[in-house]
């Protein structure tokens, strides 16, 4: 049995946040530790709680998912960051900042599950994950 994966999700769109929450709540071996509409609160949360993966939208009003990933990467034990966007060109930015993966919106259960499985296997998951 693989270890439980502790996940945090970030999206300023409450509807998409709920969709993602639903996907994670129905996945075996996943513990959803938190959901945030603002990225600024996430760095402090991750600093105080052991988190394995952070799934974050890229385009947000306070700080972008790319800035969030950069901040998290500075922590002593940084989580794997998965960037999510409907703009495929952002996958290159994800690669530049050493994000763990990129999921193209609208995300599907299958695309999210694939990234989590890659994490469990220790594979970096940066090819574009579209809904197909």
C-alpha atoms as a PDB file:
ATOM      1  CA  UNK A   1       0.000   0.000   0.000  1.00  0.00           C
ATOM      2  CA  UNK A   2       1.424   3.359  -1.009  1.00  0.00           C
ATOM      3  CA  UNK A   3       1.646   6.139   1.526  1.00  0.00           C
ATOM      4  CA  UNK A   4      -1.078   8.713   1.864  1.00  0.00           C
ATOM      5  CA  UNK A   5      -0.473  11.801  -0.267  1.00  0.00           C
ATOM      6  CA  UNK A   6      -1.220  15.087   1.513  1.00  0.00           C
ATOM      7  CA  UNK A   7      -2.619  17.658  -0.905  1.00  0.00           C
ATOM      8  CA  UNK A   8      -3.455  21.376  -0.879  1.00  0.00           C
ATOM      9  CA  UNK A   9      -5.466  23.008  -3.681  1.00  0.00           C
ATOM     10  CA  UNK A  10      -5.490  26.668  -4.747  1.00  0.00           C
ATOM     11  CA  UNK A  11      -7.863  28.302  -7.233  1.00  0.00           C
ATOM     12  CA  UNK A  12      -9.554  31.705  -7.095  1.00  0.00           C
ATOM     13  CA  UNK A  13     -12.592  30.236  -8.878  1.00  0.00           C
ATOM     14  CA  UNK A  14     -14.805  28.665  -6.160  1.00  0.00           C
ATOM     15  CA  UNK A  15     -16.549  26.409  -8.700  1.00  0.00           C
ATOM     16  CA  UNK A  16     -13.276  24.943  -9.970  1.00  0.00           C
ATOM     17  CA  UNK A  17     -12.001  24.644  -6.396  1.00  0.00           C
ATOM     18  CA  UNK A  18     -15.079  22.588  -5.506  1.00  0.00           C
ATOM     19  CA  UNK A  19     -14.641  20.413  -8.596  1.00  0.00           C
ATOM     20  CA  UNK A  20     -11.039  19.718  -7.629  1.00  0.00           C
ATOM     21  CA  UNK A  21     -12.057  19.057  -4.027  1.00  0.00           C
ATOM     22  CA  UNK A  22     -14.583  16.508  -5.291  1.00  0.00           C
ATOM     23  CA  UNK A  23     -11.918  14.760  -7.367  1.00  0.00           C
ATOM     24  CA  UNK A  24      -9.517  14.493  -4.408  1.00  0.00           C
ATOM     25  CA  UNK A  25     -12.170  13.496  -1.867  1.00  0.00           C
ATOM     26  CA  UNK A  26     -13.033  10.502  -4.056  1.00  0.00           C
ATOM     27  CA  UNK A  27      -9.446   9.347  -4.540  1.00  0.00           C
ATOM     28  CA  UNK A  28      -8.030   6.599  -2.394  1.00  0.00           C
ATOM     29  CA  UNK A  29      -4.821   7.402  -0.532  1.00  0.00           C
ATOM     30  CA  UNK A  30      -5.285  11.170  -0.740  1.00  0.00           C
ATOM     31  CA  UNK A  31      -5.766  13.486   2.206  1.00  0.00           C
ATOM     32  CA  UNK A  32      -6.947  16.951   1.250  1.00  0.00           C
ATOM     33  CA  UNK A  33      -5.401  19.182   3.917  1.00  0.00           C
ATOM     34  CA  UNK A  34      -6.682  22.503   2.662  1.00  0.00           C
ATOM     35  CA  UNK A  35      -8.290  24.485  -0.109  1.00  0.00           C
ATOM     36  CA  UNK A  36      -7.504  28.120  -0.715  1.00  0.00           C
ATOM     37  CA  UNK A  37      -8.868  30.832  -2.987  1.00  0.00           C
ATOM     38  CA  UNK A  38      -5.827  33.049  -2.322  1.00  0.00           C
ATOM     39  CA  UNK A  39      -2.262  31.904  -2.827  1.00  0.00           C
ATOM     40  CA  UNK A  40      -0.766  34.147  -0.134  1.00  0.00           C
ATOM     41  CA  UNK A  41      -2.165  31.975   2.682  1.00  0.00           C
ATOM     42  CA  UNK A  42      -0.704  28.805   1.193  1.00  0.00           C
ATOM     43  CA  UNK A  43       2.986  29.501   1.886  1.00  0.00           C
ATOM     44  CA  UNK A  44       2.314  29.928   5.604  1.00  0.00           C
ATOM     45  CA  UNK A  45       0.094  26.820   5.679  1.00  0.00           C
ATOM     46  CA  UNK A  46       2.769  24.701   3.976  1.00  0.00           C
ATOM     47  CA  UNK A  47       5.437  26.116   6.291  1.00  0.00           C
ATOM     48  CA  UNK A  48       3.415  24.844   9.293  1.00  0.00           C
ATOM     49  CA  UNK A  49       2.049  21.570   7.855  1.00  0.00           C
ATOM     50  CA  UNK A  50       3.735  18.710   6.008  1.00  0.00           C
ATOM     51  CA  UNK A  51       2.287  18.843   2.479  1.00  0.00           C
ATOM     52  CA  UNK A  52       3.269  16.504  -0.367  1.00  0.00           C
ATOM     53  CA  UNK A  53       1.594  18.224  -3.319  1.00  0.00           C
ATOM     54  CA  UNK A  54       0.141  21.662  -4.085  1.00  0.00           C
ATOM     55  CA  UNK A  55      -2.209  21.958  -7.061  1.00  0.00           C
ATOM     56  CA  UNK A  56      -2.480  25.631  -7.984  1.00  0.00           C
ATOM     57  CA  UNK A  57      -4.122  27.725 -10.637  1.00  0.00           C
ATOM     58  CA  UNK A  58      -1.618  29.968 -12.418  1.00  0.00           C
ATOM     59  CA  UNK A  59      -3.671  33.110 -13.068  1.00  0.00           C
ATOM     60  CA  UNK A  60      -4.897  34.528  -9.748  1.00  0.00           C
ATOM     61  CA  UNK A  61      -5.447  38.079  -8.489  1.00  0.00           C
ATOM     62  CA  UNK A  62      -3.038  38.201  -5.511  1.00  0.00           C
ATOM     63  CA  UNK A  63       0.051  36.269  -6.577  1.00  0.00           C
ATOM     64  CA  UNK A  64       0.298  33.911  -9.527  1.00  0.00           C
ATOM     65  CA  UNK A  65       0.684  30.180  -9.206  1.00  0.00           C
ATOM     66  CA  UNK A  66       4.174  30.593 -10.669  1.00  0.00           C
ATOM     67  CA  UNK A  67       5.141  33.053  -7.904  1.00  0.00           C
ATOM     68  CA  UNK A  68       3.587  30.701  -5.348  1.00  0.00           C
ATOM     69  CA  UNK A  69       5.612  27.779  -6.698  1.00  0.00           C
ATOM     70  CA  UNK A  70       8.804  29.854  -6.494  1.00  0.00           C
ATOM     71  CA  UNK A  71       8.070  30.757  -2.862  1.00  0.00           C
ATOM     72  CA  UNK A  72       7.274  27.144  -1.936  1.00  0.00           C
ATOM     73  CA  UNK A  73      10.467  25.975  -3.643  1.00  0.00           C
ATOM     74  CA  UNK A  74      12.484  28.059  -1.133  1.00  0.00           C
ATOM     75  CA  UNK A  75      11.121  26.086   1.851  1.00  0.00           C
ATOM     76  CA  UNK A  76      13.349  23.458   3.511  1.00  0.00           C
ATOM     77  CA  UNK A  77      11.097  20.546   2.425  1.00  0.00           C
ATOM     78  CA  UNK A  78       9.135  21.920  -0.540  1.00  0.00           C
ATOM     79  CA  UNK A  79       6.028  20.147  -1.813  1.00  0.00           C
ATOM     80  CA  UNK A  80       5.633  19.034  -5.417  1.00  0.00           C
ATOM     81  CA  UNK A  81       3.800  21.871  -7.201  1.00  0.00           C
ATOM     82  CA  UNK A  82       1.361  21.146 -10.005  1.00  0.00           C
ATOM     83  CA  UNK A  83       0.350  24.191 -12.041  1.00  0.00           C
ATOM     84  CA  UNK A  84      -3.075  24.351 -13.682  1.00  0.00           C
ATOM     85  CA  UNK A  85      -4.160  26.640 -16.497  1.00  0.00           C
ATOM     86  CA  UNK A  86      -6.309  26.809 -19.590  1.00  0.00           C
ATOM     87  CA  UNK A  87      -3.372  28.498 -21.344  1.00  0.00           C
ATOM     88  CA  UNK A  88      -1.107  25.699 -22.678  1.00  0.00           C
ATOM     89  CA  UNK A  89       1.892  28.036 -23.083  1.00  0.00           C
ATOM     90  CA  UNK A  90       2.200  28.106 -19.303  1.00  0.00           C
ATOM     91  CA  UNK A  91       3.536  24.548 -19.368  1.00  0.00           C
ATOM     92  CA  UNK A  92       6.887  26.034 -20.467  1.00  0.00           C
ATOM     93  CA  UNK A  93       6.844  28.368 -17.454  1.00  0.00           C
ATOM     94  CA  UNK A  94       6.103  25.345 -15.267  1.00  0.00           C
ATOM     95  CA  UNK A  95       9.211  23.657 -16.636  1.00  0.00           C
ATOM     96  CA  UNK A  96      11.372  26.746 -16.013  1.00  0.00           C
ATOM     97  CA  UNK A  97      10.436  26.945 -12.345  1.00  0.00           C
ATOM     98  CA  UNK A  98      10.836  23.202 -11.830  1.00  0.00           C
ATOM     99  CA  UNK A  99       7.190  22.563 -11.105  1.00  0.00           C
ATOM    100  CA  UNK A 100       6.350  18.904 -10.691  1.00  0.00           C
ATOM    101  CA  UNK A 101       3.602  18.950 -13.274  1.00  0.00           C
ATOM    102  CA  UNK A 102       1.115  20.881 -15.377  1.00  0.00           C
ATOM    103  CA  UNK A 103      -2.580  20.111 -15.810  1.00  0.00           C
ATOM    104  CA  UNK A 104      -4.469  21.848 -18.577  1.00  0.00           C
ATOM    105  CA  UNK A 105      -7.921  23.163 -17.678  1.00  0.00           C
ATOM    106  CA  UNK A 106     -10.625  22.103 -17.779  1.00  0.00           C
ATOM    107  CA  UNK A 107      -9.050  19.354 -15.727  1.00  0.00           C
ATOM    108  CA  UNK A 108     -10.549  15.920 -15.478  1.00  0.00           C
ATOM    109  CA  UNK A 109     -10.381  13.275 -12.810  1.00  0.00           C
ATOM    110  CA  UNK A 110      -8.172  11.204 -15.137  1.00  0.00           C
ATOM    111  CA  UNK A 111      -5.631  14.005 -15.647  1.00  0.00           C
ATOM    112  CA  UNK A 112      -5.401  14.690 -11.900  1.00  0.00           C
ATOM    113  CA  UNK A 113      -5.094  10.981 -11.073  1.00  0.00           C
ATOM    114  CA  UNK A 114      -2.245  10.613 -13.623  1.00  0.00           C
ATOM    115  CA  UNK A 115      -0.228  13.404 -11.990  1.00  0.00           C
ATOM    116  CA  UNK A 116      -0.740  11.922  -8.497  1.00  0.00           C
ATOM    117  CA  UNK A 117       0.292   8.468  -9.775  1.00  0.00           C
ATOM    118  CA  UNK A 118       3.427   9.991 -11.352  1.00  0.00           C
ATOM    119  CA  UNK A 119       4.204  11.567  -7.969  1.00  0.00           C
ATOM    120  CA  UNK A 120       3.762   8.228  -6.198  1.00  0.00           C
ATOM    121  CA  UNK A 121       6.133   6.582  -8.701  1.00  0.00           C
ATOM    122  CA  UNK A 122       8.686   9.381  -8.314  1.00  0.00           C
ATOM    123  CA  UNK A 123       8.312  10.555 -11.926  1.00  0.00           C
ATOM    124  CA  UNK A 124       8.232  14.234 -12.765  1.00  0.00           C
ATOM    125  CA  UNK A 125       4.984  14.876 -14.592  1.00  0.00           C
ATOM    126  CA  UNK A 126       5.500  17.791 -16.906  1.00  0.00           C
ATOM    127  CA  UNK A 127       3.985  16.741 -20.171  1.00  0.00           C
ATOM    128  CA  UNK A 128       0.718  18.551 -20.811  1.00  0.00           C
ATOM    129  CA  UNK A 129      -2.221  16.774 -19.236  1.00  0.00           C
ATOM    130  CA  UNK A 130      -5.269  17.620 -21.268  1.00  0.00           C
ATOM    131  CA  UNK A 131      -8.733  16.277 -20.669  1.00  0.00           C
ATOM    132  CA  UNK A 132      -8.419  13.771 -23.547  1.00  0.00           C
END
